[in-house]
Protein backbone atom coordinates (compact mmCIF):
# COMPACT_ATOMS: atom_id res chain seq x y z
CA UNK A 1 -0.05 0.02 -0.06
CA UNK A 2 1.27 3.41 -0.81
CA UNK A 3 1.38 6.10 1.97
CA UNK A 4 1.92 9.65 1.80
CA UNK A 5 3.60 12.21 4.20
CA UNK A 6 0.98 13.85 6.54
CA UNK A 7 3.08 16.99 6.71
CA UNK A 8 4.06 17.69 3.05
CA UNK A 9 1.99 15.04 1.01
CA UNK A 10 4.93 13.55 -0.62
CA UNK A 11 5.44 9.81 -1.28
CA UNK A 12 6.78 8.01 1.85
CA UNK A 13 9.82 5.71 0.83
CA UNK A 14 10.87 2.60 2.62
CA UNK A 15 14.30 2.46 4.22
CA UNK A 16 16.04 0.10 6.67
CA UNK A 17 17.97 1.52 9.76
CA UNK A 18 19.82 -1.02 11.86
CA UNK A 19 17.49 -3.74 10.86
CA UNK A 20 14.26 -1.67 11.55
CA UNK A 21 12.17 -0.93 8.58
CA UNK A 22 10.60 2.64 8.37
CA UNK A 23 8.98 5.01 5.89
CA UNK A 24 10.60 8.35 5.47
CA UNK A 25 9.94 11.67 3.67
CA UNK A 26 12.28 14.21 2.13
CA UNK A 27 11.03 16.78 4.61
CA UNK A 28 12.28 14.77 7.55
CA UNK A 29 9.17 12.83 8.66
CA UNK A 30 9.60 9.35 9.58
CA UNK A 31 7.18 6.49 10.43
CA UNK A 32 8.32 3.08 11.85
CA UNK A 33 6.78 0.03 10.03
CA UNK A 34 5.44 -2.67 12.37
CA UNK A 35 3.95 -5.61 10.39
CA UNK A 36 2.55 -8.57 12.39
CA UNK A 37 3.34 -12.15 11.35
CA UNK A 38 -0.27 -12.58 10.25
CA UNK A 39 -0.07 -9.43 8.04
CA UNK A 40 3.15 -10.73 6.37
CA UNK A 41 1.73 -14.16 5.75
CA UNK A 42 -1.42 -12.48 4.21
CA UNK A 43 0.64 -10.45 1.93
CA UNK A 44 2.65 -13.31 0.70
CA UNK A 45 -0.37 -15.48 0.14
CA UNK A 46 -2.05 -12.73 -1.87
CA UNK A 47 0.99 -12.27 -4.04
CA UNK A 48 1.19 -16.12 -4.66
CA UNK A 49 -2.43 -16.21 -5.69
CA UNK A 50 -2.03 -13.29 -8.22
CA UNK A 51 1.09 -15.00 -9.65
CA UNK A 52 -0.80 -18.44 -10.11
CA UNK A 53 -3.73 -16.66 -11.93
CA UNK A 54 -1.37 -14.86 -14.47
CA UNK A 55 1.22 -17.52 -14.95
CA UNK A 56 1.48 -19.23 -18.37
CA UNK A 57 4.04 -22.00 -19.00
CA UNK A 58 4.98 -22.49 -22.70
CA UNK A 59 6.87 -25.51 -23.70
CA UNK A 60 9.01 -25.72 -26.79
CA UNK A 61 6.88 -28.63 -27.94
CA UNK A 62 3.73 -26.55 -27.93
CA UNK A 63 4.77 -24.76 -31.17
CA UNK A 64 2.83 -21.65 -30.23
CA UNK A 65 2.87 -18.92 -32.79
CA UNK A 66 2.34 -15.30 -31.91
CA UNK A 67 2.26 -14.17 -35.65
CA UNK A 68 -0.75 -14.60 -37.95
CA UNK A 69 -0.47 -17.27 -40.53
CA UNK A 70 -0.95 -16.21 -44.12
CA UNK A 71 -0.97 -17.71 -47.67
CA UNK A 72 2.55 -16.87 -49.09
CA UNK A 73 4.78 -19.11 -51.23
CA UNK A 74 8.21 -19.77 -49.78
CA UNK A 75 11.06 -19.17 -52.22
CA UNK A 76 12.98 -22.02 -50.76
CA UNK A 77 10.51 -24.96 -50.41
CA UNK A 78 7.40 -23.72 -52.23
CA UNK A 79 5.19 -24.26 -49.15
CA UNK A 80 2.32 -21.87 -49.29
CA UNK A 81 1.75 -21.22 -45.44
CA UNK A 82 3.95 -18.67 -43.63
CA UNK A 83 3.89 -16.57 -40.40
CA UNK A 84 3.91 -12.75 -41.17
CA UNK A 85 4.77 -9.57 -39.18
CA UNK A 86 5.77 -6.06 -40.02
CA UNK A 87 8.60 -3.81 -38.61
CA UNK A 88 9.46 -0.30 -39.14
CA UNK A 89 13.15 -0.75 -40.46
CA UNK A 90 13.64 2.61 -42.21
CA UNK A 91 12.51 6.20 -41.43
CA UNK A 92 8.91 6.91 -40.22
CA UNK A 93 7.90 8.46 -43.51
CA UNK A 94 8.64 5.14 -45.44
CA UNK A 95 6.40 2.11 -45.26
CA UNK A 96 6.95 -0.88 -43.05
CA UNK A 97 8.92 -3.82 -43.88
CA UNK A 98 6.95 -7.18 -44.13
CA UNK A 99 8.63 -10.27 -42.78
CA UNK A 100 7.59 -13.85 -43.60
CA UNK A 101 8.69 -17.22 -42.08
CA UNK A 102 7.93 -20.50 -43.75
CA UNK A 103 5.96 -23.03 -41.59
CA UNK A 104 7.75 -25.94 -43.07
CA UNK A 105 11.49 -25.11 -43.52
CA UNK A 106 11.62 -22.04 -41.30
CA UNK A 107 13.16 -19.83 -43.99
CA UNK A 108 12.55 -16.19 -43.34
CA UNK A 109 12.49 -13.58 -46.01
CA UNK A 110 11.17 -9.93 -46.28
CA UNK A 111 9.40 -7.85 -48.79
CA UNK A 112 9.76 -3.98 -48.89
């Protein structure tokens, strides 16, 4: 939780002095932090739950592609399916460069 200084309304920052944690402000205000074991355990459990919900594990065997698949003939193996993406490789007033990667042989080429 974010706390602000009651004297000047600046953000309070965490600092450790001789093993004691405290919040301090530029103006000189200081507030000692005293967390109970229950509060610490509660915070740790909440953080673990948040990580479990948002964690996605991707294995190399999954073969997940983040690029759209388009119909484009590969110049190397003549396969007609490729991944496609665009990047701005030149100045902003020029068009983007289109990149393609063959799904069969993994050959990558570009078109201006």
